[in-house]
Amino acid sequence: MEKLLLIGINTRSMIESGLKLNYTIYSTSYFSTSDVPSIENQKIILDESINPDCGVFEDKFSSKNILNVSKDYLDEVDYIIPISGISPNDFEKKHQKKILGNKDISKVEDKYRFYKEIRNEFLTPETFYVNDVDEAVEIQKNNPEVQYIAKPLKGSGGYNTNLLNNQSQLQLNCDEKLIVQEYIEGINLSSSVLGSENEAENIVNSRLLTQHDFEKNSQFKYVGNILPLTEKSILAPVKNTDAINREMADTSEKLIGKFELIGSNGVDFILNKNGLYVIEINPRIQGTFECVQQALGINMLEAHIKACQNEIISIDKAKYYSYKKIIYSPKTVKYEKIDLNNLYDMPHLGSITQKDEPLLTIIDKDKDFDKLYEKVESSSQTVNKLVNNS
């Protein structure tokens, strides 16, 4: 049986899907969750049995560390699928050859390079490359009528993305390479696309959720998704969702073809009265993974692998709505069991999650959108209440 390594920040959902396929599954992940399947070949960076405090992700996570820990796996396995947190460009060439997915993502991973590649073809926010925070602030001063955001040149999940008001409000690592981008106020959307050597096919669109959607603050961390995209799930007074879906499908397929991407990819947009802005491409399996599986009734890992092998599987329309919501801890908390049936990525009992770090994930599905939304939001309120009262 061929050996497949899943490697990234959190491999729990991919392991569950991988165990249903004809591979021997290997895994290296940063996070350790209490619900991750136990497999023979598994390495986890965080070990709560040694230190129950999970710390601050941005301070402790290192893709180089995960690759270093995985050295023997990288040599042993037949195939590798990097997940969020690991770039194919981080691997040595001998290991890059084993990747099922995009092997060179430099044109889309570098957000300024991506902007230059698409600015003459697609609606996209004006973007500047800057050498430091001072230069970012100077751009804002010279264009007071425009609101900007500052974000890392590379990265995902909305980490270290901030509204650019003044230097004191920037929470950025000075060693990080930055871009300053025109801030587009609107509705965050995402398109899931399968790409092969010969074609690209949009399989579903979703409402992408950030902290800004819920708290109306200047934080843009990824919180989750709702799919498929309809007049209800868009969570805004927008009536022409069929036309929006068609435009998203057409644009995302063109982009995946333009950059010759294969496997599962995501294209993020912002919609407002001026149109549909292209924000970025995520050239890997996305955070919508389990929502897509629930709504479409497919094994998303299998769909990704087959697309990489030049086969786009047949996919029917969504049979369910699916909603994923990441709960960031409202305070530093020692985890105690919470009895809800739609919780995933739960910490180990007694482990400590710092304030504003990811605590757990709520994922649910239903054919009725209103019932689904009520279930997920009710679970969200229950979790936050229990944590705040602990």
Protein backbone atom coordinates (compact mmCIF):
# COMPACT_ATOMS: atom_id res chain seq x y z
CA MET A 1 0.00 0.00 0.00
CA GLU A 2 1.35 3.43 -0.92
CA LYS A 3 2.30 5.81 1.90
CA LEU A 4 0.79 9.31 2.14
CA LEU A 5 2.03 12.05 4.49
CA LEU A 6 -0.38 14.80 5.59
CA ILE A 7 1.58 17.71 7.03
CA GLY A 8 0.50 21.09 8.40
CA ILE A 9 -0.97 23.04 11.29
CA ASN A 10 -3.89 20.68 11.99
CA THR A 11 -4.32 17.39 10.09
CA ARG A 12 -7.27 15.97 12.06
CA SER A 13 -9.94 16.22 9.36
CA MET A 14 -7.59 15.09 6.60
CA ILE A 15 -6.56 12.00 8.58
CA GLU A 16 -10.24 11.07 8.99
CA SER A 17 -10.75 11.30 5.22
CA GLY A 18 -7.42 9.64 4.42
CA LEU A 19 -8.23 6.57 6.49
CA LYS A 20 -11.13 5.89 4.10
CA LEU A 21 -8.74 5.69 1.14
CA ASN A 22 -6.30 3.02 0.03
CA TYR A 23 -3.18 4.56 1.58
CA THR A 24 -1.08 4.07 4.67
CA ILE A 25 -1.49 7.45 6.34
CA TYR A 26 1.36 9.36 7.98
CA SER A 27 0.83 12.70 9.72
CA THR A 28 2.81 15.57 11.19
CA SER A 29 0.84 18.44 12.71
CA TYR A 30 1.42 21.39 14.99
CA PHE A 31 -1.77 21.17 17.04
CA SER A 32 -2.78 18.17 19.10
CA THR A 33 -6.55 17.82 19.44
CA SER A 34 -8.36 15.31 21.62
CA ASP A 35 -10.40 14.04 18.65
CA VAL A 36 -7.54 13.43 16.21
CA PRO A 37 -7.52 9.76 15.11
CA SER A 38 -4.60 7.80 16.55
CA ILE A 39 -2.47 6.29 13.79
CA GLU A 40 0.83 4.43 13.91
CA ASN A 41 2.89 7.00 12.01
CA GLN A 42 2.02 10.30 13.68
CA LYS A 43 4.01 13.24 15.04
CA ILE A 44 2.55 16.23 16.89
CA ILE A 45 4.57 19.30 17.86
CA LEU A 46 2.50 20.47 20.85
CA ASP A 47 2.64 17.97 23.70
CA GLU A 48 0.33 18.94 26.57
CA SER A 49 1.60 16.04 28.67
CA ILE A 50 4.92 17.94 28.94
CA ASN A 51 3.56 21.50 28.92
CA PRO A 52 -0.22 22.01 29.23
CA ASP A 53 0.04 25.63 28.04
CA CYS A 54 -0.45 25.74 24.25
CA GLY A 55 1.00 29.26 24.11
CA VAL A 56 0.52 31.82 21.33
CA PHE A 57 0.43 30.25 17.88
CA GLU A 58 2.10 33.17 16.07
CA ASP A 59 5.00 33.12 18.54
CA LYS A 60 5.61 29.37 18.57
CA PHE A 61 4.67 27.97 15.16
CA SER A 62 7.43 27.31 12.64
CA SER A 63 7.05 25.51 9.32
CA LYS A 64 10.78 24.74 9.42
CA ASN A 65 10.28 22.97 12.75
CA ILE A 66 7.51 20.76 11.32
CA LEU A 67 9.69 19.86 8.33
CA ASN A 68 12.63 19.09 10.59
CA VAL A 69 10.52 16.84 12.82
CA SER A 70 9.22 15.07 9.68
CA LYS A 71 12.62 14.28 8.14
CA ASP A 72 12.28 10.50 8.31
CA TYR A 73 8.67 10.58 7.08
CA LEU A 74 9.61 12.77 4.11
CA ASP A 75 12.13 10.19 2.95
CA GLU A 76 9.90 7.19 3.66
CA VAL A 77 6.54 8.11 2.09
CA ASP A 78 5.48 7.95 -1.55
CA TYR A 79 3.33 11.09 -1.52
CA ILE A 80 3.04 14.31 0.49
CA ILE A 81 0.09 16.68 0.85
CA PRO A 82 1.00 19.99 2.54
CA ILE A 83 -1.88 21.65 4.37
CA SER A 84 -2.20 25.21 5.69
CA GLY A 85 0.99 26.44 7.34
CA ILE A 86 3.42 24.64 5.05
CA SER A 87 4.38 25.94 1.62
CA PRO A 88 5.48 23.53 -1.13
CA ASN A 89 8.39 25.94 -1.63
CA ASP A 90 9.62 25.06 1.89
CA PHE A 91 10.47 21.49 0.84
CA GLU A 92 13.74 20.27 -0.61
CA LYS A 93 13.51 19.44 -4.31
CA LYS A 94 13.73 15.68 -3.73
CA HIS A 95 10.66 15.92 -1.48
CA GLN A 96 8.83 18.44 -3.68
CA LYS A 97 8.60 15.72 -6.33
CA LYS A 98 6.41 13.69 -3.97
CA ILE A 99 3.86 16.46 -3.43
CA LEU A 100 0.31 15.76 -4.57
CA GLY A 101 -0.68 19.30 -5.39
CA ASN A 102 1.00 22.51 -6.48
CA LYS A 103 4.76 22.32 -6.29
CA ASP A 104 5.61 25.94 -7.08
CA ILE A 105 3.21 28.55 -5.71
CA SER A 106 5.54 31.56 -5.74
CA LYS A 107 3.31 33.57 -8.10
CA VAL A 108 0.29 33.32 -5.80
CA GLU A 109 1.92 32.92 -2.39
CA ASP A 110 3.66 36.28 -2.76
CA LYS A 111 0.67 38.63 -2.54
CA TYR A 112 2.38 41.54 -4.27
CA ARG A 113 3.55 39.38 -7.14
CA PHE A 114 0.01 37.99 -7.41
CA TYR A 115 -1.38 41.53 -7.54
CA LYS A 116 0.97 42.47 -10.38
CA GLU A 117 0.01 39.32 -12.29
CA ILE A 118 -3.76 39.98 -12.18
CA ARG A 119 -4.26 43.76 -11.87
CA ASN A 120 -4.79 44.31 -15.60
CA GLU A 121 -7.25 41.41 -15.99
CA PHE A 122 -9.34 41.29 -12.80
CA LEU A 123 -10.86 43.74 -10.34
CA THR A 124 -8.50 43.72 -7.36
CA PRO A 125 -7.49 46.15 -4.56
CA GLU A 126 -4.54 48.48 -5.22
CA THR A 127 -1.52 46.96 -3.46
CA PHE A 128 1.94 48.24 -2.48
CA TYR A 129 5.04 46.38 -1.36
CA VAL A 130 6.65 48.09 1.65
CA ASN A 131 9.96 47.57 3.40
CA ASP A 132 8.82 48.48 6.89
CA VAL A 133 5.97 49.81 9.02
CA ASP A 134 7.14 53.43 8.56
CA GLU A 135 6.72 53.12 4.81
CA ALA A 136 3.23 51.67 5.32
CA VAL A 137 2.22 54.61 7.48
CA GLU A 138 3.63 57.03 4.90
CA ILE A 139 1.39 55.58 2.18
CA GLN A 140 -1.64 56.18 4.40
CA LYS A 141 -0.57 59.76 5.12
CA ASN A 142 -0.17 60.49 1.41
CA ASN A 143 -3.62 59.07 0.62
CA PRO A 144 -5.83 60.15 3.55
CA GLU A 145 -9.03 59.58 1.56
CA VAL A 146 -8.26 55.84 1.17
CA GLN A 147 -8.46 53.24 3.95
CA TYR A 148 -5.68 50.64 3.79
CA ILE A 149 -4.86 47.40 5.51
CA ALA A 150 -1.39 46.03 6.21
CA LYS A 151 -0.74 42.30 5.94
CA PRO A 152 2.22 39.92 5.57
CA LEU A 153 3.58 39.45 2.06
CA LYS A 154 3.02 35.74 2.60
CA GLY A 155 0.64 34.03 4.98
CA SER A 156 -2.94 32.89 5.42
CA GLY A 157 -5.79 32.80 7.89
CA GLY A 158 -5.92 36.58 8.33
CA TYR A 159 -3.11 36.53 10.92
CA ASN A 160 -1.30 39.87 11.34
CA THR A 161 -3.78 41.63 9.06
CA ASN A 162 -4.73 45.04 10.46
CA LEU A 163 -6.46 48.23 9.43
CA LEU A 164 -3.78 50.83 8.83
CA ASN A 165 -4.70 53.85 10.96
CA ASN A 166 -1.47 54.72 12.67
CA GLN A 167 1.77 53.06 13.59
CA SER A 168 0.77 52.30 17.17
CA GLN A 169 -2.16 50.20 16.01
CA LEU A 170 -0.06 47.87 13.85
CA GLN A 171 0.52 44.50 15.47
CA LEU A 172 3.14 43.33 13.01
CA ASN A 173 6.43 41.53 13.30
CA CYS A 174 9.08 44.03 12.17
CA ASP A 175 11.01 41.22 10.46
CA GLU A 176 8.01 40.36 8.31
CA LYS A 177 7.81 41.51 4.70
CA LEU A 178 4.64 43.54 4.27
CA ILE A 179 2.13 44.74 1.75
CA VAL A 180 -0.27 47.65 2.10
CA GLN A 181 -3.57 47.05 0.35
CA GLU A 182 -6.60 49.20 -0.35
CA TYR A 183 -9.25 48.12 2.16
CA ILE A 184 -12.41 46.92 0.42
CA GLU A 185 -15.46 47.07 2.67
CA GLY A 186 -17.85 44.32 1.66
CA ILE A 187 -18.87 40.68 1.91
CA ASN A 188 -16.15 38.04 2.15
CA LEU A 189 -16.70 35.14 -0.24
CA SER A 190 -14.68 32.10 -1.27
CA SER A 191 -14.70 29.75 -4.24
CA SER A 192 -13.57 26.12 -4.08
CA VAL A 193 -12.03 24.88 -7.33
CA LEU A 194 -10.57 21.58 -8.50
CA GLY A 195 -7.81 21.92 -11.07
CA SER A 196 -6.21 19.33 -13.35
CA GLU A 197 -3.68 19.65 -16.16
CA ASN A 198 -6.47 20.36 -18.64
CA GLU A 199 -9.33 22.02 -16.78
CA ALA A 200 -10.55 23.85 -13.70
CA GLU A 201 -13.97 23.29 -12.17
CA ASN A 202 -15.64 25.38 -9.49
CA ILE A 203 -17.39 22.92 -7.17
CA VAL A 204 -18.98 25.22 -4.58
CA ASN A 205 -18.93 28.82 -3.29
CA SER A 206 -19.18 29.92 0.31
CA ARG A 207 -19.60 32.86 2.64
CA LEU A 208 -16.19 33.35 4.22
CA LEU A 209 -16.26 34.57 7.82
CA THR A 210 -13.66 36.61 9.73
CA GLN A 211 -13.59 38.06 13.23
CA HIS A 212 -14.52 41.40 11.68
CA ASP A 213 -17.89 39.94 10.61
CA PHE A 214 -18.85 39.12 14.19
CA GLU A 215 -17.11 41.75 16.29
CA LYS A 216 -16.85 44.68 13.83
CA ASN A 217 -13.28 45.29 14.96
CA SER A 218 -10.02 45.60 13.03
CA GLN A 219 -9.16 41.90 13.30
CA PHE A 220 -9.45 39.72 10.19
CA LYS A 221 -8.59 36.24 11.45
CA TYR A 222 -10.38 33.45 9.62
CA VAL A 223 -13.39 32.21 11.62
CA GLY A 224 -15.14 29.84 9.22
CA ASN A 225 -17.45 29.36 6.26
CA ILE A 226 -21.06 28.72 5.36
CA LEU A 227 -21.87 26.93 2.12
CA PRO A 228 -23.33 26.68 -0.45
CA LEU A 229 -23.73 30.37 -1.23
CA THR A 230 -27.40 31.37 -1.38
CA GLU A 231 -29.53 34.42 -0.56
CA LYS A 232 -29.71 33.12 3.02
CA SER A 233 -26.15 31.95 3.60
CA ILE A 234 -24.60 35.16 2.23
CA LEU A 235 -25.85 36.83 5.46
CA ALA A 236 -26.54 40.14 3.71
CA PRO A 237 -29.43 41.76 1.80
CA VAL A 238 -28.20 40.51 -1.58
CA LYS A 239 -30.73 39.07 -4.02
CA ASN A 240 -28.73 38.13 -7.11
CA THR A 241 -26.76 35.21 -5.65
CA ASP A 242 -27.21 33.06 -8.77
CA ALA A 243 -25.42 35.70 -10.84
CA ILE A 244 -22.75 36.09 -8.14
CA ASN A 245 -22.18 32.33 -8.10
CA ARG A 246 -21.77 32.28 -11.87
CA GLU A 247 -19.28 35.17 -11.81
CA MET A 248 -17.32 33.58 -8.96
CA ALA A 249 -17.18 30.27 -10.84
CA ASP A 250 -16.05 31.90 -14.08
CA THR A 251 -13.42 34.11 -12.42
CA SER A 252 -12.01 31.40 -10.14
CA GLU A 253 -11.74 28.89 -12.97
CA LYS A 254 -9.91 31.46 -15.12
CA LEU A 255 -7.49 32.19 -12.26
CA ILE A 256 -6.75 28.53 -11.55
CA GLY A 257 -6.12 28.01 -15.26
CA LYS A 258 -3.98 31.16 -15.54
CA PHE A 259 -1.65 30.01 -12.75
CA GLU A 260 -1.79 26.34 -13.82
CA LEU A 261 -2.83 25.14 -10.36
CA ILE A 262 -3.91 21.57 -9.68
CA GLY A 263 -5.85 19.78 -6.96
CA SER A 264 -8.04 21.64 -4.49
CA ASN A 265 -7.62 25.43 -4.48
CA GLY A 266 -9.54 28.36 -3.03
CA VAL A 267 -10.07 31.84 -4.42
CA ASP A 268 -11.10 34.57 -1.96
CA PHE A 269 -13.22 37.54 -3.00
CA ILE A 270 -14.86 40.61 -1.51
CA LEU A 271 -18.20 41.72 -2.94
CA ASN A 272 -19.51 45.26 -2.74
CA LYS A 273 -21.47 47.71 -4.93
CA ASN A 274 -18.48 48.10 -7.26
CA GLY A 275 -18.31 44.40 -8.04
CA LEU A 276 -16.41 41.25 -7.12
CA TYR A 277 -12.81 41.92 -6.05
CA VAL A 278 -10.21 39.16 -6.26
CA ILE A 279 -8.24 39.12 -3.00
CA GLU A 280 -6.03 36.01 -3.05
CA ILE A 281 -5.66 32.38 -4.04
CA ASN A 282 -5.09 29.63 -1.47
CA PRO A 283 -3.23 27.02 -3.54
CA ARG A 284 -3.98 24.10 -1.25
CA ILE A 285 -6.81 22.28 0.51
CA GLN A 286 -8.83 24.96 2.31
CA GLY A 287 -10.56 25.45 5.61
CA THR A 288 -13.85 24.59 3.88
CA PHE A 289 -12.67 20.95 3.69
CA GLU A 290 -15.25 19.42 6.04
CA CYS A 291 -18.06 21.75 4.98
CA VAL A 292 -17.58 20.68 1.37
CA GLN A 293 -17.62 17.03 2.40
CA GLN A 294 -20.82 17.48 4.42
CA ALA A 295 -22.67 19.55 1.83
CA LEU A 296 -21.63 17.65 -1.30
CA GLY A 297 -21.31 14.15 0.15
CA ILE A 298 -17.81 13.56 -1.20
CA ASN A 299 -14.38 12.65 0.17
CA MET A 300 -12.54 15.92 -0.44
CA LEU A 301 -9.11 14.36 0.02
CA GLU A 302 -9.92 11.82 -2.68
CA ALA A 303 -11.19 14.61 -4.97
CA HIS A 304 -7.94 16.52 -4.43
CA ILE A 305 -5.75 13.49 -5.14
CA LYS A 306 -7.65 12.52 -8.30
CA ALA A 307 -7.51 16.09 -9.63
CA CYS A 308 -3.73 16.02 -9.12
CA GLN A 309 -3.75 12.80 -11.16
CA ASN A 310 -5.70 14.61 -13.90
CA GLU A 311 -9.21 13.40 -13.06
CA ILE A 312 -11.98 15.76 -11.93
CA ILE A 313 -14.59 13.63 -10.15
CA SER A 314 -18.29 14.05 -10.87
CA ILE A 315 -19.91 16.20 -8.16
CA ASP A 316 -23.62 16.85 -7.66
CA LYS A 317 -25.12 20.02 -6.25
CA ALA A 318 -25.08 20.51 -2.49
CA LYS A 319 -27.65 18.48 -0.59
CA TYR A 320 -27.05 20.30 2.71
CA TYR A 321 -25.96 23.62 4.10
CA SER A 322 -22.81 23.31 6.18
CA TYR A 323 -21.46 25.85 8.68
CA LYS A 324 -18.01 25.91 10.27
CA LYS A 325 -17.14 28.34 13.05
CA ILE A 326 -13.82 28.51 14.91
CA ILE A 327 -14.13 29.66 18.52
CA TYR A 328 -11.24 31.81 19.73
CA SER A 329 -10.93 31.67 23.49
CA PRO A 330 -12.41 34.78 25.18
CA LYS A 331 -9.88 34.39 28.00
CA THR A 332 -7.03 32.15 29.12
CA VAL A 333 -8.72 28.90 30.10
CA LYS A 334 -7.95 25.36 31.26
CA TYR A 335 -10.13 23.14 29.11
CA GLU A 336 -12.92 21.11 30.70
CA LYS A 337 -15.20 18.80 28.72
CA ILE A 338 -18.11 20.45 26.91
CA ASP A 339 -21.00 18.14 26.01
CA LEU A 340 -22.12 19.25 22.56
CA ASN A 341 -22.30 16.94 19.55
CA ASN A 342 -21.05 19.41 16.93
CA LEU A 343 -17.63 20.24 18.42
CA TYR A 344 -14.33 19.36 16.74
CA ASP A 345 -10.63 20.11 17.26
CA MET A 346 -11.17 20.09 21.02
CA PRO A 347 -8.20 20.55 23.37
CA HIS A 348 -7.11 17.76 25.67
CA LEU A 349 -8.65 17.94 29.15
CA GLY A 350 -6.58 20.20 31.38
CA SER A 351 -4.68 21.90 28.56
CA ILE A 352 -4.44 25.68 28.65
CA THR A 353 -5.55 27.86 25.77
CA GLN A 354 -4.44 31.48 25.83
CA LYS A 355 -6.86 34.37 25.26
CA ASP A 356 -7.65 34.93 21.56
CA GLU A 357 -6.11 31.60 20.52
CA PRO A 358 -8.23 28.96 18.69
CA LEU A 359 -10.09 26.87 21.28
CA LEU A 360 -12.23 24.51 19.20
CA THR A 361 -14.35 24.33 16.05
CA ILE A 362 -18.10 23.99 15.59
CA ILE A 363 -19.20 22.20 12.41
CA ASP A 364 -22.75 21.20 11.54
CA LYS A 365 -25.06 20.62 8.59
CA ASP A 366 -28.77 20.82 7.85
CA LYS A 367 -31.05 21.07 4.82
CA ASP A 368 -32.74 24.03 6.49
CA PHE A 369 -30.39 27.03 6.70
CA ASP A 370 -32.22 28.76 9.56
CA LYS A 371 -32.08 25.61 11.71
CA LEU A 372 -28.38 25.17 10.95
CA TYR A 373 -27.52 28.76 11.78
CA GLU A 374 -29.45 28.52 15.04
CA LYS A 375 -27.66 25.28 16.02
CA VAL A 376 -24.17 26.63 15.39
CA GLU A 377 -24.79 30.01 17.02
CA SER A 378 -26.41 28.31 20.03
CA SER A 379 -23.35 26.06 20.44
CA SER A 380 -21.11 29.11 20.06
CA GLN A 381 -22.95 30.96 22.82
CA THR A 382 -22.84 27.89 25.09
CA VAL A 383 -19.08 27.44 24.63
CA ASN A 384 -18.33 31.12 25.26
CA LYS A 385 -20.58 31.19 28.34
CA LEU A 386 -18.96 28.08 29.85
CA VAL A 387 -15.46 29.43 29.17
CA ASN A 388 -16.25 32.87 30.59
CA ASN A 389 -17.74 31.30 33.73
CA SER A 390 -14.90 28.84 34.27
